[in-house]
C-alpha atoms as a PDB file:
ATOM      1  CA  MET A   1     -64.222 -99.529-116.046  1.00  0.00           C
ATOM      2  CA  ARG A   2     -65.039 -96.592-113.827  1.00  0.00           C
ATOM      3  CA  SER A   3     -63.241 -93.278-113.486  1.00  0.00           C
ATOM      4  CA  ASN A   4     -64.306 -90.521-111.606  1.00  0.00           C
ATOM      5  CA  CYS A   5     -63.643 -87.002-112.551  1.00  0.00           C
ATOM      6  CA  LEU A   6     -62.442 -84.170-110.047  1.00  0.00           C
ATOM      7  CA  PRO A   7     -62.437 -80.705-109.866  1.00  0.00           C
ATOM      8  CA  LEU A   8     -58.822 -80.364-111.047  1.00  0.00           C
ATOM      9  CA  ASP A   9     -59.161 -78.215-114.378  1.00  0.00           C
ATOM     10  CA  ALA A  10     -55.734 -76.635-114.107  1.00  0.00           C
ATOM     11  CA  LEU A  11     -53.964 -80.102-114.278  1.00  0.00           C
ATOM     12  CA  ASP A  12     -53.968 -81.315-117.980  1.00  0.00           C
ATOM     13  CA  TYR A  13     -54.692 -84.798-118.879  1.00  0.00           C
ATOM     14  CA  TYR A  14     -55.522 -85.490-114.802  1.00  0.00           C
ATOM     15  CA  TRP A  15     -58.732 -87.660-115.789  1.00  0.00           C
ATOM     16  CA  MET A  16     -56.888 -89.607-118.726  1.00  0.00           C
ATOM     17  CA  THR A  17     -53.851 -90.530-116.253  1.00  0.00           C
ATOM     18  CA  ASP A  18     -56.129 -91.790-113.681  1.00  0.00           C
ATOM     19  CA  PHE A  19     -57.991 -93.583-116.104  1.00  0.00           C
ATOM     20  CA  ILE A  20     -54.853 -95.191-117.771  1.00  0.00           C
ATOM     21  CA  GLU A  21     -53.398 -96.083-114.124  1.00  0.00           C
ATOM     22  CA  ALA A  22     -57.035 -98.182-113.617  1.00  0.00           C
ATOM     23  CA  ILE A  23     -56.697 -99.839-116.680  1.00  0.00           C
ATOM     24  CA  LEU A  24     -53.276-101.066-115.923  1.00  0.00           C
ATOM     25  CA  ASP A  25     -54.347-102.127-112.626  1.00  0.00           C
ATOM     26  CA  THR A  26     -57.224-104.098-113.882  1.00  0.00           C
ATOM     27  CA  VAL A  27     -56.905-105.119-117.662  1.00  0.00           C
ATOM     28  CA  HIS A  28     -55.010-108.618-118.100  1.00  0.00           C
ATOM     29  CA  GLN A  29     -51.458-108.219-119.410  1.00  0.00           C
ATOM     30  CA  ASN A  30     -52.433-110.406-122.445  1.00  0.00           C
ATOM     31  CA  ILE A  31     -54.632-107.886-123.533  1.00  0.00           C
ATOM     32  CA  LEU A  32     -52.676-104.906-122.716  1.00  0.00           C
ATOM     33  CA  GLN A  33     -49.743-106.671-124.772  1.00  0.00           C
ATOM     34  CA  LYS A  34     -51.918-106.045-127.913  1.00  0.00           C
ATOM     35  CA  VAL A  35     -51.718-102.369-127.480  1.00  0.00           C
ATOM     36  CA  PRO A  36     -48.897-101.134-130.051  1.00  0.00           C
ATOM     37  CA  PRO A  37     -45.739-100.189-128.446  1.00  0.00           C
ATOM     38  CA  TRP A  38     -45.855 -96.514-129.984  1.00  0.00           C
ATOM     39  CA  CYS A  39     -49.256 -96.050-127.980  1.00  0.00           C
ATOM     40  CA  TRP A  40     -47.524 -96.642-124.785  1.00  0.00           C
ATOM     41  CA  GLN A  41     -44.527 -94.386-125.727  1.00  0.00           C
ATOM     42  CA  ASP A  42     -46.941 -91.447-126.227  1.00  0.00           C
ATOM     43  CA  LEU A  43     -48.880 -91.938-123.249  1.00  0.00           C
ATOM     44  CA  TYR A  44     -46.072 -92.275-120.883  1.00  0.00           C
ATOM     45  CA  ARG A  45     -46.029 -88.690-121.329  1.00  0.00           C
ATOM     46  CA  VAL A  46     -49.032 -88.144-119.093  1.00  0.00           C
ATOM     47  CA  CYS A  47     -48.710 -91.375-117.144  1.00  0.00           C
ATOM     48  CA  GLY A  48     -45.207 -91.933-115.474  1.00  0.00           C
ATOM     49  CA  LYS A  49     -46.541 -95.471-113.986  1.00  0.00           C
ATOM     50  CA  LEU A  50     -46.434 -96.922-117.183  1.00  0.00           C
ATOM     51  CA  SER A  51     -42.584 -97.281-116.743  1.00  0.00           C
ATOM     52  CA  ILE A  52     -43.214 -99.374-113.631  1.00  0.00           C
ATOM     53  CA  ILE A  53     -45.786-101.701-115.397  1.00  0.00           C
ATOM     54  CA  MET A  54     -44.729-101.897-119.048  1.00  0.00           C
ATOM     55  CA  ASP A  55     -40.866-102.910-120.020  1.00  0.00           C
ATOM     56  CA  ARG A  56     -38.592-100.215-121.521  1.00  0.00           C
ATOM     57  CA  VAL A  57     -41.214 -97.533-121.746  1.00  0.00           C
ATOM     58  CA  THR A  58     -40.014 -93.987-122.517  1.00  0.00           C
ATOM     59  CA  ALA A  59     -41.102 -90.824-124.274  1.00  0.00           C
ATOM     60  CA  LEU A  60     -39.150 -90.887-127.435  1.00  0.00           C
ATOM     61  CA  ASP A  61     -38.802 -87.168-128.425  1.00  0.00           C
ATOM     62  CA  TYR A  62     -39.629 -83.739-127.531  1.00  0.00           C
ATOM     63  CA  LEU A  63     -42.425 -82.130-129.455  1.00  0.00           C
ATOM     64  CA  SER A  64     -44.246 -78.904-129.483  1.00  0.00           C
ATOM     65  CA  VAL A  65     -47.252 -78.414-127.006  1.00  0.00           C
ATOM     66  CA  GLU A  66     -49.623 -79.025-129.627  1.00  0.00           C
ATOM     67  CA  ALA A  67     -48.028 -81.930-131.534  1.00  0.00           C
ATOM     68  CA  GLU A  68     -47.979 -83.652-127.958  1.00  0.00           C
ATOM     69  CA  LYS A  69     -51.602 -83.012-127.396  1.00  0.00           C
ATOM     70  CA  ILE A  70     -52.245 -84.834-131.071  1.00  0.00           C
ATOM     71  CA  ARG A  71     -50.035 -87.805-130.157  1.00  0.00           C
ATOM     72  CA  ILE A  72     -51.263 -88.183-126.720  1.00  0.00           C
ATOM     73  CA  SER A  73     -54.876 -88.229-127.932  1.00  0.00           C
ATOM     74  CA  ALA A  74     -54.091 -90.708-130.578  1.00  0.00           C
ATOM     75  CA  ALA A  75     -52.521 -92.950-128.396  1.00  0.00           C
ATOM     76  CA  PHE A  76     -55.279 -92.580-125.658  1.00  0.00           C
ATOM     77  CA  ASN A  77     -57.638 -93.429-128.721  1.00  0.00           C
ATOM     78  CA  THR A  78     -55.692 -96.330-129.756  1.00  0.00           C
ATOM     79  CA  LEU A  79     -55.515 -97.767-126.264  1.00  0.00           C
ATOM     80  CA  ILE A  80     -59.570 -97.429-125.740  1.00  0.00           C
ATOM     81  CA  HIS A  81     -60.160 -98.990-129.314  1.00  0.00           C
ATOM     82  CA  THR A  82     -57.848-101.899-128.264  1.00  0.00           C
ATOM     83  CA  LEU A  83     -59.645-102.670-125.170  1.00  0.00           C
ATOM     84  CA  CYS A  84     -63.070-102.417-127.090  1.00  0.00           C
ATOM     85  CA  LYS A  85     -61.877-104.646-129.568  1.00  0.00           C
ATOM     86  CA  GLU A  86     -60.094-107.427-127.281  1.00  0.00           C
ATOM     87  CA  ALA A  87     -62.110-107.302-124.079  1.00  0.00           C
ATOM     88  CA  GLY A  88     -65.378-105.498-124.677  1.00  0.00           C
ATOM     89  CA  LEU A  89     -65.581-102.199-122.488  1.00  0.00           C
ATOM     90  CA  ILE A  90     -68.155-100.451-120.688  1.00  0.00           C
ATOM     91  CA  LEU A  91     -66.662 -97.026-119.902  1.00  0.00           C
ATOM     92  CA  CYS A  92     -68.216 -95.148-116.776  1.00  0.00           C
ATOM     93  CA  ILE A  93     -67.222 -91.554-116.260  1.00  0.00           C
ATOM     94  CA  SER A  94     -68.568 -89.928-112.917  1.00  0.00           C
ATOM     95  CA  ASN A  95     -68.671 -86.124-112.552  1.00  0.00           C
ATOM     96  CA  ILE A  96     -68.107 -85.437-116.033  1.00  0.00           C
ATOM     97  CA  GLN A  97     -68.348 -81.536-115.518  1.00  0.00           C
ATOM     98  CA  TRP A  98     -64.990 -81.627-113.832  1.00  0.00           C
ATOM     99  CA  MET A  99     -63.070 -83.524-116.480  1.00  0.00           C
ATOM    100  CA  ASP A 100     -60.089 -81.476-117.276  1.00  0.00           C
ATOM    101  CA  LEU A 101     -59.955 -79.837-120.769  1.00  0.00           C
ATOM    102  CA  CYS A 102     -57.537 -81.857-122.503  1.00  0.00           C
ATOM    103  CA  SER A 103     -59.145 -85.164-121.603  1.00  0.00           C
ATOM    104  CA  PHE A 104     -62.353 -83.936-122.713  1.00  0.00           C
ATOM    105  CA  ASN A 105     -61.070 -82.731-126.058  1.00  0.00           C
ATOM    106  CA  CYS A 106     -59.422 -86.069-126.409  1.00  0.00           C
ATOM    107  CA  LEU A 107     -62.540 -88.007-125.760  1.00  0.00           C
ATOM    108  CA  LYS A 108     -64.549 -85.665-127.762  1.00  0.00           C
ATOM    109  CA  HIS A 109     -62.188 -86.013-130.663  1.00  0.00           C
ATOM    110  CA  ALA A 110     -62.566 -89.756-130.333  1.00  0.00           C
ATOM    111  CA  LEU A 111     -66.288 -90.003-130.212  1.00  0.00           C
ATOM    112  CA  PHE A 112     -66.431 -87.165-133.340  1.00  0.00           C
ATOM    113  CA  LYS A 113     -64.098 -89.142-135.407  1.00  0.00           C
ATOM    114  CA  ASN A 114     -66.121 -92.506-134.486  1.00  0.00           C
ATOM    115  CA  LEU A 115     -63.087 -94.169-133.586  1.00  0.00           C
ATOM    116  CA  PHE A 116     -64.177 -96.655-130.701  1.00  0.00           C
ATOM    117  CA  PRO A 117     -65.803 -99.631-132.100  1.00  0.00           C
ATOM    118  CA  PRO A 118     -69.398 -99.976-130.349  1.00  0.00           C
ATOM    119  CA  MET A 119     -69.222 -99.780-126.712  1.00  0.00           C
ATOM    120  CA  THR A 120     -71.247 -98.625-123.746  1.00  0.00           C
ATOM    121  CA  LEU A 121     -70.529 -95.088-122.125  1.00  0.00           C
ATOM    122  CA  VAL A 122     -72.077 -94.179-118.779  1.00  0.00           C
ATOM    123  CA  LEU A 123     -71.851 -90.776-117.634  1.00  0.00           C
ATOM    124  CA  THR A 124     -72.613 -88.790-114.584  1.00  0.00           C
ATOM    125  CA  GLY A 125     -73.095 -85.308-114.445  1.00  0.00           C
ATOM    126  CA  LYS A 126     -75.321 -82.092-113.880  1.00  0.00           C
ATOM    127  CA  GLU A 127     -78.408 -81.989-115.884  1.00  0.00           C
ATOM    128  CA  ASN A 128     -77.085 -78.810-117.877  1.00  0.00           C
ATOM    129  CA  ASP A 129     -73.762 -79.412-117.837  1.00  0.00           C
ATOM    130  CA  THR A 130     -72.259 -78.132-121.330  1.00  0.00           C
ATOM    131  CA  LYS A 131     -69.898 -81.161-121.591  1.00  0.00           C
ATOM    132  CA  LEU A 132     -72.835 -83.578-121.485  1.00  0.00           C
ATOM    133  CA  ILE A 133     -74.854 -81.550-124.028  1.00  0.00           C
ATOM    134  CA  GLU A 134     -71.778 -81.329-126.105  1.00  0.00           C
ATOM    135  CA  LEU A 135     -70.914 -85.119-125.985  1.00  0.00           C
ATOM    136  CA  GLN A 136     -74.514 -86.014-126.879  1.00  0.00           C
ATOM    137  CA  ARG A 137     -73.957 -84.762-130.313  1.00  0.00           C
ATOM    138  CA  TYR A 138     -71.066 -86.989-131.199  1.00  0.00           C
ATOM    139  CA  PHE A 139     -72.992 -90.330-130.511  1.00  0.00           C
ATOM    140  CA  SER A 140     -74.503 -92.560-133.251  1.00  0.00           C
ATOM    141  CA  HIS A 141     -72.259 -95.638-132.628  1.00  0.00           C
ATOM    142  CA  SER A 142     -72.308 -96.022-129.013  1.00  0.00           C
ATOM    143  CA  LYS A 143     -75.014 -97.032-126.354  1.00  0.00           C
ATOM    144  CA  PHE A 144     -74.927 -93.812-124.297  1.00  0.00           C
ATOM    145  CA  ILE A 145     -76.496 -93.403-120.803  1.00  0.00           C
ATOM    146  CA  VAL A 146     -76.608 -90.387-118.945  1.00  0.00           C
ATOM    147  CA  PHE A 147     -77.368 -90.375-115.302  1.00  0.00           C
ATOM    148  CA  TYR A 148     -77.388 -87.193-113.357  1.00  0.00           C
ATOM    149  CA  SER A 149     -75.871 -88.303-110.107  1.00  0.00           C
ATOM    150  CA  ASP A 150     -73.635 -90.950-108.894  1.00  0.00           C
ATOM    151  CA  GLN A 151     -76.564 -92.226-106.583  1.00  0.00           C
ATOM    152  CA  CYS A 152     -78.763 -93.128-109.875  1.00  0.00           C
ATOM    153  CA  TYR A 153     -76.051 -94.869-111.531  1.00  0.00           C
ATOM    154  CA  ASN A 154     -75.205 -97.004-108.476  1.00  0.00           C
ATOM    155  CA  SER A 155     -78.917 -98.038-108.331  1.00  0.00           C
ATOM    156  CA  TYR A 156     -78.833 -98.602-111.914  1.00  0.00           C
ATOM    157  CA  ARG A 157     -75.594-100.914-111.459  1.00  0.00           C
ATOM    158  CA  ASN A 158     -77.076-102.894-108.718  1.00  0.00           C
ATOM    159  CA  GLU A 159     -80.400-103.774-110.776  1.00  0.00           C
ATOM    160  CA  ARG A 160     -78.011-105.423-113.461  1.00  0.00           C
END
């Protein structure tokens, strides 16, 4: 799964929304059905496309901003965990320096808590970027590959 971050810090969960849409477009329906229904309901808060793809998805209740962030994070982590377990997942994130703060905190939380099964995470970004430096602290269970440009990543991918 490949996802590109854009310089849109003001749009909370932009990267996460884009990534969920890519999952919906590429992952087989049989695998998506293994994701718990509550997960889809909480992710619907950031990805309206779920209503088109999944039957009867609605946000169930209104929450405080902080409670909503926690539920979205838990739902996203469950989605990634299910994909890792059911299909194996190589997660490629380009230009991580542009990832919005809400998506970054969600990803960081999952890595810190070791919520994902073993997986490969490929990141591209600026060499001295604080997000890359910070994420490297939380990787003990995943294969962690960092490229400092998309060109390096593309060369690596073509060699495989």
